[in-house]
Amino acid sequence: MASPFKLDDELKGRVQQLAEVRRRSSHWIMREAIAQYVEREEKREARRQETLDAWNEFEATGLHVTGVEVGKWLSTWGTDDELSAPECQK
């Protein structure tokens, strides 16, 4: 899929400068930047969807764990008295 696009002169210069410093082509720099952006945004969207799914499940079931319970549990991590994860409640 060829997708030509135009860069403004300032950004084009920055890409070229970085390409020279990294001893890569401008094309490689742009492709790498786009790949990293797409990967980051895919992860962000997956987290957003997980959040929505969790909210929908909470609305349907009412099951939850309070912040205090989670904090108490987390404060024991790495200690000899590590607690089990708190149980969900209504």
PDB file of N, CA and C in Angstrom:
ATOM      1  N   MET A   1       0.842  -1.165   0.000  1.00  0.00           N
ATOM      2  CA  MET A   1       0.000   0.000   0.000  1.00  0.00           C
ATOM      3  C   MET A   1       0.894   1.236   0.000  1.00  0.00           C
ATOM      4  N   ALA A   2       0.967   1.899  -1.081  1.00  0.00           N
ATOM      5  CA  ALA A   2       1.745   3.129  -1.166  1.00  0.00           C
ATOM      6  C   ALA A   2       0.870   4.286  -0.715  1.00  0.00           C
ATOM      7  N   SER A   3       1.389   5.040   0.231  1.00  0.00           N
ATOM      8  CA  SER A   3       0.630   6.174   0.762  1.00  0.00           C
ATOM      9  C   SER A   3       1.526   7.403   0.803  1.00  0.00           C
ATOM     10  N   PRO A   4       1.667   8.065  -0.320  1.00  0.00           N
ATOM     11  CA  PRO A   4       2.518   9.257  -0.304  1.00  0.00           C
ATOM     12  C   PRO A   4       1.885  10.342   0.559  1.00  0.00           C
ATOM     13  N   PHE A   5       2.727  11.047   1.279  1.00  0.00           N
ATOM     14  CA  PHE A   5       2.244  12.164   2.085  1.00  0.00           C
ATOM     15  C   PHE A   5       3.332  13.224   2.126  1.00  0.00           C
ATOM     16  N   LYS A   6       2.936  14.426   2.424  1.00  0.00           N
ATOM     17  CA  LYS A   6       3.853  15.561   2.441  1.00  0.00           C
ATOM     18  C   LYS A   6       4.189  15.924   3.881  1.00  0.00           C
ATOM     19  N   LEU A   7       5.462  16.221   4.106  1.00  0.00           N
ATOM     20  CA  LEU A   7       5.910  16.741   5.389  1.00  0.00           C
ATOM     21  C   LEU A   7       6.215  18.220   5.213  1.00  0.00           C
ATOM     22  N   ASP A   8       5.913  19.015   6.237  1.00  0.00           N
ATOM     23  CA  ASP A   8       6.320  20.413   6.136  1.00  0.00           C
ATOM     24  C   ASP A   8       7.848  20.475   6.218  1.00  0.00           C
ATOM     25  N   ASP A   9       8.405  21.573   5.789  1.00  0.00           N
ATOM     26  CA  ASP A   9       9.863  21.686   5.677  1.00  0.00           C
ATOM     27  C   ASP A   9      10.572  21.472   7.012  1.00  0.00           C
ATOM     28  N   GLU A  10       9.992  21.986   8.089  1.00  0.00           N
ATOM     29  CA  GLU A  10      10.635  21.831   9.396  1.00  0.00           C
ATOM     30  C   GLU A  10      10.713  20.363   9.799  1.00  0.00           C
ATOM     31  N   LEU A  11       9.596  19.639   9.686  1.00  0.00           N
ATOM     32  CA  LEU A  11       9.581  18.231  10.069  1.00  0.00           C
ATOM     33  C   LEU A  11      10.461  17.410   9.140  1.00  0.00           C
ATOM     34  N   LYS A  12      10.426  17.724   7.870  1.00  0.00           N
ATOM     35  CA  LYS A  12      11.274  17.021   6.904  1.00  0.00           C
ATOM     36  C   LYS A  12      12.744  17.181   7.282  1.00  0.00           C
ATOM     37  N   GLY A  13      13.143  18.396   7.658  1.00  0.00           N
ATOM     38  CA  GLY A  13      14.521  18.638   8.077  1.00  0.00           C
ATOM     39  C   GLY A  13      14.884  17.866   9.330  1.00  0.00           C
ATOM     40  N   ARG A  14      13.963  17.807  10.276  1.00  0.00           N
ATOM     41  CA  ARG A  14      14.208  17.063  11.514  1.00  0.00           C
ATOM     42  C   ARG A  14      14.382  15.576  11.233  1.00  0.00           C
ATOM     43  N   VAL A  15      13.545  15.039  10.352  1.00  0.00           N
ATOM     44  CA  VAL A  15      13.655  13.620   9.987  1.00  0.00           C
ATOM     45  C   VAL A  15      14.990  13.366   9.299  1.00  0.00           C
ATOM     46  N   GLN A  16      15.366  14.237   8.377  1.00  0.00           N
ATOM     47  CA  GLN A  16      16.638  14.075   7.667  1.00  0.00           C
ATOM     48  C   GLN A  16      17.821  14.158   8.628  1.00  0.00           C
ATOM     49  N   GLN A  17      17.764  15.095   9.570  1.00  0.00           N
ATOM     50  CA  GLN A  17      18.840  15.235  10.554  1.00  0.00           C
ATOM     51  C   GLN A  17      18.962  13.971  11.398  1.00  0.00           C
ATOM     52  N   LEU A  18      17.846  13.467  11.859  1.00  0.00           N
ATOM     53  CA  LEU A  18      17.852  12.248  12.664  1.00  0.00           C
ATOM     54  C   LEU A  18      18.355  11.061  11.849  1.00  0.00           C
ATOM     55  N   ALA A  19      17.950  10.989  10.601  1.00  0.00           N
ATOM     56  CA  ALA A  19      18.406   9.903   9.724  1.00  0.00           C
ATOM     57  C   ALA A  19      19.923   9.937   9.570  1.00  0.00           C
ATOM     58  N   GLU A  20      20.479  11.123   9.409  1.00  0.00           N
ATOM     59  CA  GLU A  20      21.935  11.248   9.277  1.00  0.00           C
ATOM     60  C   GLU A  20      22.634  10.804  10.555  1.00  0.00           C
ATOM     61  N   VAL A  21      22.141  11.269  11.687  1.00  0.00           N
ATOM     62  CA  VAL A  21      22.749  10.922  12.971  1.00  0.00           C
ATOM     63  C   VAL A  21      22.675   9.417  13.214  1.00  0.00           C
ATOM     64  N   ARG A  22      21.562   8.809  12.869  1.00  0.00           N
ATOM     65  CA  ARG A  22      21.354   7.375  13.097  1.00  0.00           C
ATOM     66  C   ARG A  22      21.904   6.506  11.965  1.00  0.00           C
ATOM     67  N   ARG A  23      22.382   7.167  10.924  1.00  0.00           N
ATOM     68  CA  ARG A  23      22.893   6.457   9.737  1.00  0.00           C
ATOM     69  C   ARG A  23      21.840   5.517   9.160  1.00  0.00           C
ATOM     70  N   ARG A  24      20.661   6.062   9.043  1.00  0.00           N
ATOM     71  CA  ARG A  24      19.522   5.370   8.446  1.00  0.00           C
ATOM     72  C   ARG A  24      18.948   6.263   7.367  1.00  0.00           C
ATOM     73  N   SER A  25      18.068   5.700   6.569  1.00  0.00           N
ATOM     74  CA  SER A  25      17.396   6.525   5.560  1.00  0.00           C
ATOM     75  C   SER A  25      16.224   7.255   6.213  1.00  0.00           C
ATOM     76  N   SER A  26      15.827   8.350   5.600  1.00  0.00           N
ATOM     77  CA  SER A  26      14.640   9.066   6.077  1.00  0.00           C
ATOM     78  C   SER A  26      13.430   8.142   6.032  1.00  0.00           C
ATOM     79  N   HIS A  27      13.350   7.328   4.994  1.00  0.00           N
ATOM     80  CA  HIS A  27      12.251   6.376   4.856  1.00  0.00           C
ATOM     81  C   HIS A  27      12.207   5.430   6.055  1.00  0.00           C
ATOM     82  N   TRP A  28      13.368   4.929   6.470  1.00  0.00           N
ATOM     83  CA  TRP A  28      13.425   4.011   7.610  1.00  0.00           C
ATOM     84  C   TRP A  28      12.936   4.706   8.872  1.00  0.00           C
ATOM     85  N   ILE A  29      13.375   5.944   9.096  1.00  0.00           N
ATOM     86  CA  ILE A  29      12.966   6.704  10.279  1.00  0.00           C
ATOM     87  C   ILE A  29      11.447   6.884  10.291  1.00  0.00           C
ATOM     88  N   MET A  30      10.878   7.270   9.159  1.00  0.00           N
ATOM     89  CA  MET A  30       9.429   7.495   9.094  1.00  0.00           C
ATOM     90  C   MET A  30       8.654   6.195   9.276  1.00  0.00           C
ATOM     91  N   ARG A  31       9.133   5.123   8.648  1.00  0.00           N
ATOM     92  CA  ARG A  31       8.455   3.832   8.785  1.00  0.00           C
ATOM     93  C   ARG A  31       8.492   3.358  10.239  1.00  0.00           C
ATOM     94  N   GLU A  32       9.640   3.506  10.889  1.00  0.00           N
ATOM     95  CA  GLU A  32       9.780   3.114  12.288  1.00  0.00           C
ATOM     96  C   GLU A  32       8.863   3.952  13.184  1.00  0.00           C
ATOM     97  N   ALA A  33       8.799   5.243  12.922  1.00  0.00           N
ATOM     98  CA  ALA A  33       7.931   6.124  13.715  1.00  0.00           C
ATOM     99  C   ALA A  33       6.464   5.729  13.556  1.00  0.00           C
ATOM    100  N   ILE A  34       6.062   5.441  12.348  1.00  0.00           N
ATOM    101  CA  ILE A  34       4.671   5.048  12.101  1.00  0.00           C
ATOM    102  C   ILE A  34       4.369   3.711  12.773  1.00  0.00           C
ATOM    103  N   ALA A  35       5.297   2.761  12.669  1.00  0.00           N
ATOM    104  CA  ALA A  35       5.092   1.451  13.293  1.00  0.00           C
ATOM    105  C   ALA A  35       4.950   1.588  14.808  1.00  0.00           C
ATOM    106  N   GLN A  36       5.806   2.407  15.425  1.00  0.00           N
ATOM    107  CA  GLN A  36       5.721   2.608  16.872  1.00  0.00           C
ATOM    108  C   GLN A  36       4.416   3.298  17.255  1.00  0.00           C
ATOM    109  N   TYR A  37       4.005   4.269  16.468  1.00  0.00           N
ATOM    110  CA  TYR A  37       2.751   4.973  16.733  1.00  0.00           C
ATOM    111  C   TYR A  37       1.568   4.003  16.664  1.00  0.00           C
ATOM    112  N   VAL A  38       1.527   3.200  15.605  1.00  0.00           N
ATOM    113  CA  VAL A  38       0.412   2.265  15.431  1.00  0.00           C
ATOM    114  C   VAL A  38       0.383   1.259  16.581  1.00  0.00           C
ATOM    115  N   GLU A  39       1.539   0.733  16.960  1.00  0.00           N
ATOM    116  CA  GLU A  39       1.588  -0.227  18.065  1.00  0.00           C
ATOM    117  C   GLU A  39       1.106   0.418  19.364  1.00  0.00           C
ATOM    118  N   ARG A  40       1.563   1.629  19.645  1.00  0.00           N
ATOM    119  CA  ARG A  40       1.151   2.333  20.861  1.00  0.00           C
ATOM    120  C   ARG A  40      -0.354   2.586  20.876  1.00  0.00           C
ATOM    121  N   GLU A  41      -0.892   3.018  19.745  1.00  0.00           N
ATOM    122  CA  GLU A  41      -2.321   3.318  19.684  1.00  0.00           C
ATOM    123  C   GLU A  41      -3.171   2.055  19.748  1.00  0.00           C
ATOM    124  N   GLU A  42      -2.674   0.951  19.189  1.00  0.00           N
ATOM    125  CA  GLU A  42      -3.394  -0.319  19.312  1.00  0.00           C
ATOM    126  C   GLU A  42      -3.467  -0.748  20.776  1.00  0.00           C
ATOM    127  N   LYS A  43      -2.355  -0.599  21.499  1.00  0.00           N
ATOM    128  CA  LYS A  43      -2.349  -0.943  22.925  1.00  0.00           C
ATOM    129  C   LYS A  43      -3.280  -0.019  23.705  1.00  0.00           C
ATOM    130  N   ARG A  44      -3.253   1.263  23.372  1.00  0.00           N
ATOM    131  CA  ARG A  44      -4.136   2.220  24.049  1.00  0.00           C
ATOM    132  C   ARG A  44      -5.600   1.853  23.818  1.00  0.00           C
ATOM    133  N   GLU A  45      -5.930   1.491  22.588  1.00  0.00           N
ATOM    134  CA  GLU A  45      -7.316   1.116  22.279  1.00  0.00           C
ATOM    135  C   GLU A  45      -7.704  -0.172  22.997  1.00  0.00           C
ATOM    136  N   ALA A  46      -6.769  -1.128  23.076  1.00  0.00           N
ATOM    137  CA  ALA A  46      -7.056  -2.376  23.791  1.00  0.00           C
ATOM    138  C   ALA A  46      -7.319  -2.097  25.266  1.00  0.00           C
ATOM    139  N   ARG A  47      -6.507  -1.213  25.880  1.00  0.00           N
ATOM    140  CA  ARG A  47      -6.736  -0.850  27.286  1.00  0.00           C
ATOM    141  C   ARG A  47      -8.076  -0.144  27.457  1.00  0.00           C
ATOM    142  N   ARG A  48      -8.413   0.727  26.528  1.00  0.00           N
ATOM    143  CA  ARG A  48      -9.691   1.432  26.595  1.00  0.00           C
ATOM    144  C   ARG A  48     -10.848   0.436  26.526  1.00  0.00           C
ATOM    145  N   GLN A  49     -10.728  -0.536  25.614  1.00  0.00           N
ATOM    146  CA  GLN A  49     -11.786  -1.535  25.476  1.00  0.00           C
ATOM    147  C   GLN A  49     -11.885  -2.406  26.721  1.00  0.00           C
ATOM    148  N   GLU A  50     -10.735  -2.785  27.308  1.00  0.00           N
ATOM    149  CA  GLU A  50     -10.755  -3.560  28.550  1.00  0.00           C
ATOM    150  C   GLU A  50     -11.447  -2.784  29.665  1.00  0.00           C
ATOM    151  N   THR A  51     -11.194  -1.484  29.715  1.00  0.00           N
ATOM    152  CA  THR A  51     -11.831  -0.642  30.726  1.00  0.00           C
ATOM    153  C   THR A  51     -13.339  -0.611  30.532  1.00  0.00           C
ATOM    154  N   LEU A  52     -13.770  -0.436  29.291  1.00  0.00           N
ATOM    155  CA  LEU A  52     -15.208  -0.432  29.007  1.00  0.00           C
ATOM    156  C   LEU A  52     -15.842  -1.778  29.341  1.00  0.00           C
ATOM    157  N   ASP A  53     -15.151  -2.857  28.995  1.00  0.00           N
ATOM    158  CA  ASP A  53     -15.665  -4.193  29.310  1.00  0.00           C
ATOM    159  C   ASP A  53     -15.796  -4.383  30.822  1.00  0.00           C
ATOM    160  N   ALA A  54     -14.783  -3.930  31.575  1.00  0.00           N
ATOM    161  CA  ALA A  54     -14.828  -4.054  33.032  1.00  0.00           C
ATOM    162  C   ALA A  54     -15.969  -3.225  33.607  1.00  0.00           C
ATOM    163  N   TRP A  55     -16.166  -2.025  33.075  1.00  0.00           N
ATOM    164  CA  TRP A  55     -17.266  -1.178  33.555  1.00  0.00           C
ATOM    165  C   TRP A  55     -18.617  -1.834  33.266  1.00  0.00           C
ATOM    166  N   ASN A  56     -18.760  -2.371  32.063  1.00  0.00           N
ATOM    167  CA  ASN A  56     -20.016  -3.045  31.706  1.00  0.00           C
ATOM    168  C   ASN A  56     -20.272  -4.249  32.606  1.00  0.00           C
ATOM    169  N   GLU A  57     -19.203  -4.993  32.921  1.00  0.00           N
ATOM    170  CA  GLU A  57     -19.358  -6.144  33.814  1.00  0.00           C
ATOM    171  C   GLU A  57     -19.762  -5.678  35.213  1.00  0.00           C
ATOM    172  N   PHE A  58     -19.135  -4.589  35.687  1.00  0.00           N
ATOM    173  CA  PHE A  58     -19.504  -4.051  36.998  1.00  0.00           C
ATOM    174  C   PHE A  58     -20.968  -3.623  37.012  1.00  0.00           C
ATOM    175  N   GLU A  59     -21.401  -2.929  35.966  1.00  0.00           N
ATOM    176  CA  GLU A  59     -22.798  -2.492  35.914  1.00  0.00           C
ATOM    177  C   GLU A  59     -23.761  -3.675  35.900  1.00  0.00           C
ATOM    178  N   ALA A  60     -23.357  -4.764  35.242  1.00  0.00           N
ATOM    179  CA  ALA A  60     -24.231  -5.936  35.143  1.00  0.00           C
ATOM    180  C   ALA A  60     -24.258  -6.747  36.435  1.00  0.00           C
ATOM    181  N   THR A  61     -23.106  -6.848  37.121  1.00  0.00           N
ATOM    182  CA  THR A  61     -23.015  -7.741  38.280  1.00  0.00           C
ATOM    183  C   THR A  61     -22.920  -7.015  39.617  1.00  0.00           C
ATOM    184  N   GLY A  62     -22.414  -5.798  39.598  1.00  0.00           N
ATOM    185  CA  GLY A  62     -22.195  -5.069  40.848  1.00  0.00           C
ATOM    186  C   GLY A  62     -20.965  -5.518  41.608  1.00  0.00           C
ATOM    187  N   LEU A  63     -20.254  -6.524  41.094  1.00  0.00           N
ATOM    188  CA  LEU A  63     -19.067  -7.027  41.783  1.00  0.00           C
ATOM    189  C   LEU A  63     -17.935  -6.010  41.686  1.00  0.00           C
ATOM    190  N   HIS A  64     -17.235  -5.809  42.817  1.00  0.00           N
ATOM    191  CA  HIS A  64     -16.144  -4.841  42.844  1.00  0.00           C
ATOM    192  C   HIS A  64     -15.223  -5.127  44.028  1.00  0.00           C
ATOM    193  N   VAL A  65     -14.076  -4.466  44.016  1.00  0.00           N
ATOM    194  CA  VAL A  65     -13.131  -4.458  45.126  1.00  0.00           C
ATOM    195  C   VAL A  65     -12.836  -2.993  45.400  1.00  0.00           C
ATOM    196  N   THR A  66     -12.799  -2.595  46.659  1.00  0.00           N
ATOM    197  CA  THR A  66     -12.562  -1.188  46.973  1.00  0.00           C
ATOM    198  C   THR A  66     -11.077  -0.847  46.857  1.00  0.00           C
ATOM    199  N   GLY A  67     -10.805   0.433  46.697  1.00  0.00           N
ATOM    200  CA  GLY A  67      -9.422   0.902  46.646  1.00  0.00           C
ATOM    201  C   GLY A  67      -8.676   0.615  47.934  1.00  0.00           C
ATOM    202  N   VAL A  68      -9.362   0.710  49.059  1.00  0.00           N
ATOM    203  CA  VAL A  68      -8.747   0.418  50.355  1.00  0.00           C
ATOM    204  C   VAL A  68      -8.317  -1.045  50.407  1.00  0.00           C
ATOM    205  N   GLU A  69      -9.191  -1.935  49.949  1.00  0.00           N
ATOM    206  CA  GLU A  69      -8.861  -3.369  49.946  1.00  0.00           C
ATOM    207  C   GLU A  69      -7.667  -3.657  49.047  1.00  0.00           C
ATOM    208  N   VAL A  70      -7.651  -3.052  47.885  1.00  0.00           N
ATOM    209  CA  VAL A  70      -6.535  -3.260  46.956  1.00  0.00           C
ATOM    210  C   VAL A  70      -5.248  -2.705  47.555  1.00  0.00           C
ATOM    211  N   GLY A  71      -5.323  -1.508  48.150  1.00  0.00           N
ATOM    212  CA  GLY A  71      -4.143  -0.910  48.773  1.00  0.00           C
ATOM    213  C   GLY A  71      -3.571  -1.776  49.880  1.00  0.00           C
ATOM    214  N   LYS A  72      -4.448  -2.320  50.713  1.00  0.00           N
ATOM    215  CA  LYS A  72      -4.008  -3.207  51.798  1.00  0.00           C
ATOM    216  C   LYS A  72      -3.307  -4.438  51.226  1.00  0.00           C
ATOM    217  N   TRP A  73      -3.891  -5.007  50.195  1.00  0.00           N
ATOM    218  CA  TRP A  73      -3.315  -6.187  49.543  1.00  0.00           C
ATOM    219  C   TRP A  73      -1.958  -5.849  48.934  1.00  0.00           C
ATOM    220  N   LEU A  74      -1.891  -4.754  48.185  1.00  0.00           N
ATOM    221  CA  LEU A  74      -0.637  -4.382  47.524  1.00  0.00           C
ATOM    222  C   LEU A  74       0.469  -4.062  48.521  1.00  0.00           C
ATOM    223  N   SER A  75       0.104  -3.515  49.663  1.00  0.00           N
ATOM    224  CA  SER A  75       1.125  -3.150  50.654  1.00  0.00           C
ATOM    225  C   SER A  75       1.832  -4.371  51.232  1.00  0.00           C
ATOM    226  N   THR A  76       1.271  -5.558  51.025  1.00  0.00           N
ATOM    227  CA  THR A  76       1.904  -6.778  51.545  1.00  0.00           C
ATOM    228  C   THR A  76       2.767  -7.487  50.509  1.00  0.00           C
ATOM    229  N   TRP A  77       2.732  -7.005  49.273  1.00  0.00           N
ATOM    230  CA  TRP A  77       3.538  -7.659  48.234  1.00  0.00           C
ATOM    231  C   TRP A  77       5.012  -7.620  48.624  1.00  0.00           C
ATOM    232  N   GLY A  78       5.692  -8.734  48.414  1.00  0.00           N
ATOM    233  CA  GLY A  78       7.121  -8.815  48.688  1.00  0.00           C
ATOM    234  C   GLY A  78       7.446  -8.983  50.164  1.00  0.00           C
ATOM    235  N   THR A  79       6.442  -9.162  50.989  1.00  0.00           N
ATOM    236  CA  THR A  79       6.682  -9.387  52.417  1.00  0.00           C
ATOM    237  C   THR A  79       6.421 -10.852  52.743  1.00  0.00           C
ATOM    238  N   ASP A  80       6.828 -11.242  53.942  1.00  0.00           N
ATOM    239  CA  ASP A  80       6.570 -12.617  54.387  1.00  0.00           C
ATOM    240  C   ASP A  80       5.088 -12.859  54.660  1.00  0.00           C
ATOM    241  N   ASP A  81       4.344 -11.778  54.860  1.00  0.00           N
ATOM    242  CA  ASP A  81       2.914 -11.884  55.180  1.00  0.00           C
ATOM    243  C   ASP A  81       2.046 -11.450  54.006  1.00  0.00           C
ATOM    244  N   GLU A  82       2.446 -11.821  52.808  1.00  0.00           N
ATOM    245  CA  GLU A  82       1.696 -11.398  51.614  1.00  0.00           C
ATOM    246  C   GLU A  82       0.280 -11.966  51.644  1.00  0.00           C
ATOM    247  N   LEU A  83      -0.682 -11.075  51.441  1.00  0.00           N
ATOM    248  CA  LEU A  83      -2.091 -11.469  51.443  1.00  0.00           C
ATOM    249  C   LEU A  83      -2.525 -11.966  50.071  1.00  0.00           C
ATOM    250  N   SER A  84      -3.579 -12.762  50.054  1.00  0.00           N
ATOM    251  CA  SER A  84      -4.204 -13.166  48.793  1.00  0.00           C
ATOM    252  C   SER A  84      -4.985 -11.980  48.241  1.00  0.00           C
ATOM    253  N   ALA A  85      -5.240 -12.014  46.949  1.00  0.00           N
ATOM    254  CA  ALA A  85      -6.030 -10.947  46.327  1.00  0.00           C
ATOM    255  C   ALA A  85      -7.392 -10.869  47.002  1.00  0.00           C
ATOM    256  N   PRO A  86      -7.903  -9.655  47.202  1.00  0.00           N
ATOM    257  CA  PRO A  86      -9.217  -9.521  47.846  1.00  0.00           C
ATOM    258  C   PRO A  86     -10.326 -10.102  46.976  1.00  0.00           C
ATOM    259  N   GLU A  87     -11.357 -10.592  47.638  1.00  0.00           N
ATOM    260  CA  GLU A  87     -12.519 -11.149  46.944  1.00  0.00           C
ATOM    261  C   GLU A  87     -13.429 -10.024  46.460  1.00  0.00           C
ATOM    262  N   CYS A  88     -14.026 -10.234  45.315  1.00  0.00           N
ATOM    263  CA  CYS A  88     -15.014  -9.278  44.816  1.00  0.00           C
ATOM    264  C   CYS A  88     -16.258  -9.345  45.693  1.00  0.00           C
ATOM    265  N   GLN A  89     -16.929  -8.215  45.825  1.00  0.00           N
ATOM    266  CA  GLN A  89     -18.149  -8.136  46.627  1.00  0.00           C
ATOM    267  C   GLN A  89     -19.176  -7.279  45.911  1.00  0.00           C
ATOM    268  N   LYS A  90     -20.401  -7.351  46.358  1.00  0.00           N
ATOM    269  CA  LYS A  90     -21.474  -6.515  45.792  1.00  0.00           C
ATOM    270  C   LYS A  90     -21.681  -5.305  46.647  1.00  0.00           C
TER     271      LYS A  90
END
